[in-house]
Amino acid sequence: MKRFKIGTLFFACLPITSYSADFNDCKVIEIITAGANNGHVLLDCTIEPVPVCAVAPKYFGFDKSTDEGKQYMSVVLTAFASGATLSGYVNDTSCSPYQGNVALLEHLRMKK
């Protein structure tokens, strides 16, 4: 029984490296900007789940005029240029106010 407790403690202390998101390890296919605010991105994978308003489930959108949006755009452009992959979360109840048929981005992660 003591070995079981030590083994359980050992595995409980290991770092968890899995990452679950609405989209995982996706490549950027297309970057679209329109006007002062609208930025949206086409991925090579399907985002799930998406809000009911998102009829284009391979896209996410964001406001590129905000500080957060500028960071998103920088990460997206870097991923596109370098071939890195993106993972992230979208709002599961709202679409982008600037592109009403794509999910609104909430979190973005890039990895090589």
Protein backbone atom coordinates (compact mmCIF):
# COMPACT_ATOMS: atom_id res chain seq x y z
CA MET A 1 0.00 0.00 0.00
CA LYS A 2 2.90 2.33 0.73
CA ARG A 3 4.25 1.84 -2.83
CA PHE A 4 0.84 2.73 -4.25
CA LYS A 5 0.73 5.98 -2.27
CA ILE A 6 4.28 6.89 -3.31
CA GLY A 7 3.52 6.06 -6.97
CA THR A 8 0.33 8.09 -6.87
CA LEU A 9 2.18 11.03 -5.34
CA PHE A 10 4.92 10.75 -7.98
CA PHE A 11 2.47 10.87 -10.89
CA ALA A 12 0.46 13.67 -9.27
CA CYS A 13 3.61 15.83 -9.19
CA LEU A 14 4.44 15.39 -12.87
CA PRO A 15 3.70 18.44 -15.00
CA ILE A 16 0.66 18.14 -17.20
CA THR A 17 1.64 19.06 -20.74
CA SER A 18 -1.58 18.41 -22.59
CA TYR A 19 -3.49 21.44 -23.79
CA SER A 20 -7.09 21.34 -24.78
CA ALA A 21 -8.66 24.20 -26.69
CA ASP A 22 -11.32 25.06 -29.22
CA PHE A 23 -8.64 24.66 -31.90
CA ASN A 24 -5.26 22.92 -31.59
CA ASP A 25 -2.08 22.95 -33.68
CA CYS A 26 -3.67 24.71 -36.64
CA LYS A 27 -1.86 26.43 -39.50
CA VAL A 28 -2.84 29.89 -40.70
CA ILE A 29 -4.16 29.74 -44.28
CA GLU A 30 -5.36 33.32 -44.78
CA ILE A 31 -5.35 36.62 -42.89
CA ILE A 32 -8.07 39.13 -43.72
CA THR A 33 -8.32 42.74 -42.58
CA ALA A 34 -11.03 45.22 -43.46
CA GLY A 35 -11.48 48.72 -42.11
CA ALA A 36 -10.06 49.96 -38.85
CA ASN A 37 -11.28 47.09 -36.65
CA ASN A 38 -11.98 43.87 -38.53
CA GLY A 39 -9.34 41.18 -38.42
CA HIS A 40 -10.14 37.55 -39.11
CA VAL A 41 -8.11 34.45 -39.84
CA LEU A 42 -8.72 31.22 -41.76
CA LEU A 43 -7.21 28.08 -40.21
CA ASP A 44 -6.60 24.63 -41.69
CA CYS A 45 -8.79 23.04 -38.99
CA THR A 46 -12.31 23.40 -37.66
CA ILE A 47 -12.97 25.32 -34.46
CA GLU A 48 -15.27 23.48 -32.05
CA PRO A 49 -17.44 24.48 -30.33
CA VAL A 50 -18.47 27.74 -31.97
CA PRO A 51 -21.47 29.99 -31.30
CA VAL A 52 -24.54 29.47 -33.48
CA CYS A 53 -23.80 32.72 -35.34
CA ALA A 54 -20.47 31.32 -36.56
CA VAL A 55 -21.32 29.73 -39.90
CA ALA A 56 -17.65 29.79 -40.93
CA PRO A 57 -16.15 27.38 -38.34
CA LYS A 58 -12.59 27.53 -39.70
CA TYR A 59 -12.32 31.28 -39.02
CA PHE A 60 -11.89 33.39 -35.90
CA GLY A 61 -12.19 37.15 -35.66
CA PHE A 62 -10.96 39.94 -33.41
CA ASP A 63 -10.76 43.74 -33.13
CA LYS A 64 -7.34 44.56 -34.55
CA SER A 65 -7.46 48.17 -33.29
CA THR A 66 -7.14 47.30 -29.57
CA ASP A 67 -3.88 46.49 -27.77
CA GLU A 68 -5.05 42.89 -27.44
CA GLY A 69 -5.98 42.78 -31.13
CA LYS A 70 -2.56 44.11 -32.12
CA GLN A 71 -0.96 41.30 -30.10
CA TYR A 72 -3.22 38.74 -31.80
CA MET A 73 -2.31 40.14 -35.22
CA SER A 74 1.40 39.96 -34.38
CA VAL A 75 1.10 36.31 -33.32
CA VAL A 76 -0.99 35.41 -36.38
CA LEU A 77 1.45 37.08 -38.79
CA THR A 78 4.40 35.38 -37.10
CA ALA A 79 2.68 31.98 -37.30
CA PHE A 80 1.84 32.56 -40.96
CA ALA A 81 5.39 33.61 -41.87
CA SER A 82 7.17 30.91 -39.86
CA GLY A 83 4.81 27.97 -40.33
CA ALA A 84 4.19 27.72 -36.57
CA THR A 85 0.86 26.41 -35.32
CA LEU A 86 -1.85 28.12 -33.32
CA SER A 87 -4.09 26.87 -30.54
CA GLY A 88 -6.72 28.87 -28.76
CA TYR A 89 -10.18 29.56 -27.45
CA VAL A 90 -13.11 31.45 -28.90
CA ASN A 91 -16.15 32.90 -27.20
CA ASP A 92 -18.78 30.17 -27.39
CA THR A 93 -21.73 32.58 -27.32
CA SER A 94 -20.61 35.58 -29.42
CA CYS A 95 -19.33 36.24 -32.90
CA SER A 96 -16.96 39.01 -33.84
CA PRO A 97 -18.83 42.34 -33.96
CA TYR A 98 -16.88 43.24 -37.11
CA GLN A 99 -17.37 39.92 -38.93
CA GLY A 100 -20.66 38.52 -37.71
CA ASN A 101 -20.26 34.98 -39.06
CA VAL A 102 -17.00 34.03 -37.30
CA ALA A 103 -16.26 33.19 -33.66
CA LEU A 104 -14.72 35.91 -31.48
CA LEU A 105 -11.16 35.05 -30.39
CA GLU A 106 -10.47 35.06 -26.63
CA HIS A 107 -7.10 33.33 -26.22
CA LEU A 108 -4.25 32.53 -28.61
CA ARG A 109 -1.13 30.40 -28.29
CA MET A 110 1.61 29.81 -30.88
CA LYS A 111 4.12 26.97 -30.96
CA LYS A 112 6.76 25.70 -33.32
